Amino acid sequence: MKAWKDLWKLDVEGHDSMLDLHRRLRQEVMDRWKRGVPFADELFDRWERAAFLGFGKETSIYDSSLVLGDVTVGECTWIGPFSILDGTGGLSIGHHCGIGAGVQIYSHDTLHWTLTAGRAGAELSSTAIGDCCYIGPMSMVNPGVTIGDHVVVAGKSLVREDIPPYSIVAGTPARVIGRIEVTDDDEVKFIYA
């Protein structure tokens, strides 16, 4: 308790048992995987949450991720912590994708609603991420965008337009900087423009 500053919390009824559970789970996660995660991610199972949301088999999503509206996700997809999946206008994500930490994928926009003091409605436009895509950490995908299969989106990119399959994109706004080749023996080649 030497490092504690918010000592008042120790006096709240039930805190002792929660703190004990947290300490045991925190140590177990550290021992098994050398990770320090938020308490909710210590407590809950990422795969169970994905199943509850109706996502595909073996898909996982962190408890810290926000899911809104109609979102479908294929099998074996990893959705990182602190991500936003906005399916207000419809969102589909394929199988075997990696959605990095802090990624935001949108299917609605309230810009006109805001600027007209609510007289204009929200704009809804379905967004789709193909199979076998990697969306790098802290990237954002705008409403209505379709990303083809086998695409790499570099971290911190802003995707405002459709991306063809087997592309490498980067930047704000994202632009194609290369292409992907996957050989018959599963070798992956990155070919830059």
Protein backbone atom coordinates (compact mmCIF):
# COMPACT_ATOMS: atom_id res chain seq x y z
CA MET A 1 0.00 0.00 0.00
CA LYS A 2 3.06 2.20 0.06
CA ALA A 3 2.44 3.49 -3.52
CA TRP A 4 -1.27 4.21 -2.94
CA LYS A 5 -2.38 7.84 -3.00
CA ASP A 6 -6.18 7.40 -3.07
CA LEU A 7 -6.34 5.85 0.38
CA TRP A 8 -10.06 6.64 0.72
CA LYS A 9 -10.78 3.76 -1.70
CA LEU A 10 -9.50 1.29 0.88
CA ASP A 11 -12.40 2.23 3.15
CA VAL A 12 -15.13 1.50 0.58
CA GLU A 13 -17.09 -1.64 1.44
CA GLY A 14 -16.14 -4.59 -0.77
CA HIS A 15 -12.91 -2.98 -1.98
CA ASP A 16 -10.69 -5.49 -0.21
CA SER A 17 -12.10 -8.49 -2.08
CA MET A 18 -11.94 -6.72 -5.47
CA LEU A 19 -8.40 -5.56 -4.79
CA ASP A 20 -7.38 -9.10 -3.84
CA LEU A 21 -8.92 -10.50 -7.04
CA HIS A 22 -7.20 -7.81 -9.12
CA ARG A 23 -3.81 -8.52 -7.55
CA ARG A 24 -4.12 -12.25 -8.20
CA LEU A 25 -5.28 -11.81 -11.79
CA ARG A 26 -2.70 -9.10 -12.48
CA GLN A 27 0.11 -11.36 -11.27
CA GLU A 28 -1.20 -14.34 -13.25
CA VAL A 29 -1.38 -12.29 -16.47
CA MET A 30 2.14 -10.97 -15.84
CA ASP A 31 3.52 -14.45 -15.11
CA ARG A 32 1.88 -16.05 -18.17
CA TRP A 33 2.30 -13.36 -20.82
CA LYS A 34 4.40 -10.52 -19.34
CA ARG A 35 1.50 -8.09 -19.77
CA GLY A 36 -0.14 -5.43 -17.67
CA VAL A 37 -3.74 -4.90 -18.83
CA PRO A 38 -6.75 -2.98 -17.48
CA PHE A 39 -8.71 -4.75 -14.72
CA ALA A 40 -11.65 -5.44 -17.05
CA ASP A 41 -9.33 -7.29 -19.44
CA GLU A 42 -7.91 -9.28 -16.51
CA LEU A 43 -11.42 -10.19 -15.44
CA PHE A 44 -13.22 -10.91 -18.71
CA ASP A 45 -12.48 -13.13 -21.71
CA ARG A 46 -11.94 -11.50 -25.14
CA TRP A 47 -13.24 -14.54 -27.03
CA GLU A 48 -16.41 -14.78 -24.94
CA ARG A 49 -17.14 -11.11 -25.61
CA ALA A 50 -16.69 -11.64 -29.36
CA ALA A 51 -19.04 -14.64 -29.23
CA PHE A 52 -21.62 -12.59 -27.29
CA LEU A 53 -21.44 -9.92 -30.02
CA GLY A 54 -22.02 -12.61 -32.68
CA PHE A 55 -18.55 -12.35 -34.18
CA GLY A 56 -16.91 -15.31 -35.94
CA LYS A 57 -15.27 -18.30 -34.30
CA GLU A 58 -11.89 -17.63 -32.63
CA THR A 59 -12.30 -13.86 -32.95
CA SER A 60 -11.38 -11.78 -29.92
CA ILE A 61 -12.15 -8.21 -28.86
CA TYR A 62 -10.86 -6.37 -25.82
CA ASP A 63 -13.29 -5.15 -23.18
CA SER A 64 -12.01 -1.60 -23.69
CA SER A 65 -13.26 -1.57 -27.30
CA LEU A 66 -16.49 0.23 -28.16
CA VAL A 67 -18.97 -1.50 -30.49
CA LEU A 68 -21.97 0.41 -31.85
CA GLY A 69 -24.80 -0.67 -34.15
CA ASP A 70 -24.68 -3.44 -36.76
CA VAL A 71 -21.15 -4.87 -36.74
CA THR A 72 -20.26 -8.24 -38.28
CA VAL A 73 -16.80 -9.78 -37.94
CA GLY A 74 -15.48 -12.98 -39.51
CA GLU A 75 -13.45 -15.77 -37.95
CA CYS A 76 -10.01 -15.53 -36.35
CA THR A 77 -9.91 -11.74 -36.25
CA TRP A 78 -8.07 -9.88 -33.50
CA ILE A 79 -9.54 -6.54 -32.41
CA GLY A 80 -7.13 -4.56 -30.28
CA PRO A 81 -7.77 -2.52 -27.15
CA PHE A 82 -9.33 0.95 -27.18
CA SER A 83 -10.74 0.52 -30.69
CA ILE A 84 -14.06 1.88 -31.97
CA LEU A 85 -16.21 -0.21 -34.30
CA ASP A 86 -19.11 1.98 -35.43
CA GLY A 87 -21.78 -0.05 -37.19
CA THR A 88 -24.44 2.66 -37.01
CA GLY A 89 -24.58 2.60 -40.83
CA GLY A 90 -23.38 -1.02 -41.07
CA LEU A 91 -19.85 -2.37 -40.66
CA SER A 92 -18.38 -5.66 -41.81
CA ILE A 93 -14.88 -6.93 -41.08
CA GLY A 94 -13.60 -10.11 -42.69
CA HIS A 95 -11.77 -13.14 -41.35
CA HIS A 96 -8.13 -13.31 -40.22
CA CYS A 97 -7.82 -9.54 -39.76
CA GLY A 98 -5.74 -7.61 -37.27
CA ILE A 99 -7.40 -4.42 -36.05
CA GLY A 100 -4.73 -2.54 -34.10
CA ALA A 101 -4.98 -0.76 -30.79
CA GLY A 102 -6.86 2.53 -30.96
CA VAL A 103 -8.21 1.95 -34.48
CA GLN A 104 -11.45 3.79 -35.24
CA ILE A 105 -13.73 2.51 -38.00
CA TYR A 106 -16.84 4.58 -38.72
CA SER A 107 -20.06 4.13 -40.69
CA HIS A 108 -21.77 7.38 -39.75
CA ASP A 109 -20.92 11.07 -39.71
CA THR A 110 -22.60 13.85 -37.74
CA LEU A 111 -20.70 16.78 -39.26
CA HIS A 112 -23.73 18.24 -41.08
CA TRP A 113 -25.99 17.52 -38.09
CA THR A 114 -23.60 19.49 -35.89
CA LEU A 115 -23.11 22.42 -38.25
CA THR A 116 -26.87 22.85 -38.85
CA ALA A 117 -27.78 22.70 -35.16
CA GLY A 118 -29.47 19.35 -35.71
CA ARG A 119 -31.58 20.31 -38.75
CA ALA A 120 -29.64 17.94 -41.03
CA GLY A 121 -29.55 14.30 -40.09
CA ALA A 122 -26.59 12.07 -39.53
CA GLU A 123 -25.10 10.60 -42.69
CA LEU A 124 -24.99 6.79 -42.70
CA SER A 125 -22.81 4.82 -45.08
CA SER A 126 -21.78 1.18 -44.69
CA THR A 127 -18.09 0.42 -44.29
CA ALA A 128 -16.36 -2.86 -45.19
CA ILE A 129 -12.96 -4.34 -44.37
CA GLY A 130 -12.02 -7.40 -46.45
CA ASP A 131 -10.39 -10.67 -45.38
CA CYS A 132 -6.78 -10.89 -44.20
CA CYS A 133 -6.35 -7.15 -43.60
CA TYR A 134 -4.04 -5.43 -41.15
CA ILE A 135 -5.22 -2.04 -39.89
CA GLY A 136 -2.31 -0.46 -38.02
CA PRO A 137 -2.65 1.12 -34.57
CA MET A 138 -4.33 4.51 -34.26
CA SER A 139 -5.63 4.46 -37.85
CA MET A 140 -9.06 5.78 -38.78
CA VAL A 141 -11.37 4.53 -41.52
CA ASN A 142 -14.07 6.95 -42.71
CA PRO A 143 -17.72 6.02 -43.33
CA GLY A 144 -18.51 4.35 -46.64
CA VAL A 145 -14.98 3.09 -47.29
CA THR A 146 -14.38 -0.41 -48.66
CA ILE A 147 -10.97 -1.97 -48.02
CA GLY A 148 -10.19 -4.97 -50.22
CA ASP A 149 -8.70 -8.30 -49.14
CA HIS A 150 -5.04 -8.59 -48.08
CA VAL A 151 -4.50 -4.88 -47.38
CA VAL A 152 -2.01 -3.32 -44.99
CA VAL A 153 -2.93 0.06 -43.54
CA ALA A 154 0.07 1.62 -41.82
CA GLY A 155 -0.38 2.95 -38.30
CA LYS A 156 -1.84 6.45 -37.83
CA SER A 157 -3.31 6.50 -41.34
CA LEU A 158 -6.57 8.17 -42.31
CA VAL A 159 -8.44 6.08 -44.88
CA ARG A 160 -10.92 8.29 -46.74
CA GLU A 161 -11.29 6.34 -50.01
CA ASP A 162 -11.71 2.73 -51.10
CA ILE A 163 -8.52 0.65 -51.11
CA PRO A 164 -7.99 -2.07 -53.74
CA PRO A 165 -7.02 -5.61 -52.68
CA TYR A 166 -3.34 -6.44 -52.06
CA SER A 167 -2.41 -2.81 -51.38
CA ILE A 168 -0.16 -1.17 -48.82
CA VAL A 169 -1.41 2.27 -47.80
CA ALA A 170 -0.05 4.91 -45.46
CA GLY A 171 -0.51 8.54 -44.52
CA THR A 172 -3.10 11.19 -43.84
CA PRO A 173 -4.89 10.90 -46.12
CA ALA A 174 -3.84 7.32 -46.86
CA ARG A 175 -2.45 6.63 -50.30
CA VAL A 176 -1.21 3.46 -51.96
CA ILE A 177 2.55 3.12 -51.44
CA GLY A 178 2.96 -0.50 -52.48
CA ARG A 179 1.43 -3.89 -53.00
CA ILE A 180 1.37 -7.30 -51.37
CA GLU A 181 2.15 -10.63 -52.96
CA VAL A 182 1.29 -13.89 -51.19
CA THR A 183 2.96 -16.92 -52.80
CA ASP A 184 1.58 -20.45 -52.93
CA ASP A 185 3.94 -21.44 -50.09
CA ASP A 186 2.60 -18.55 -47.91
CA GLU A 187 5.57 -16.28 -48.34
CA VAL A 188 4.51 -12.63 -48.09
CA LYS A 189 6.30 -10.02 -50.21
CA PHE A 190 5.96 -6.27 -49.70
CA ILE A 191 6.66 -4.40 -52.93
CA TYR A 192 6.91 -0.63 -52.53
CA ALA A 193 6.31 1.91 -55.27
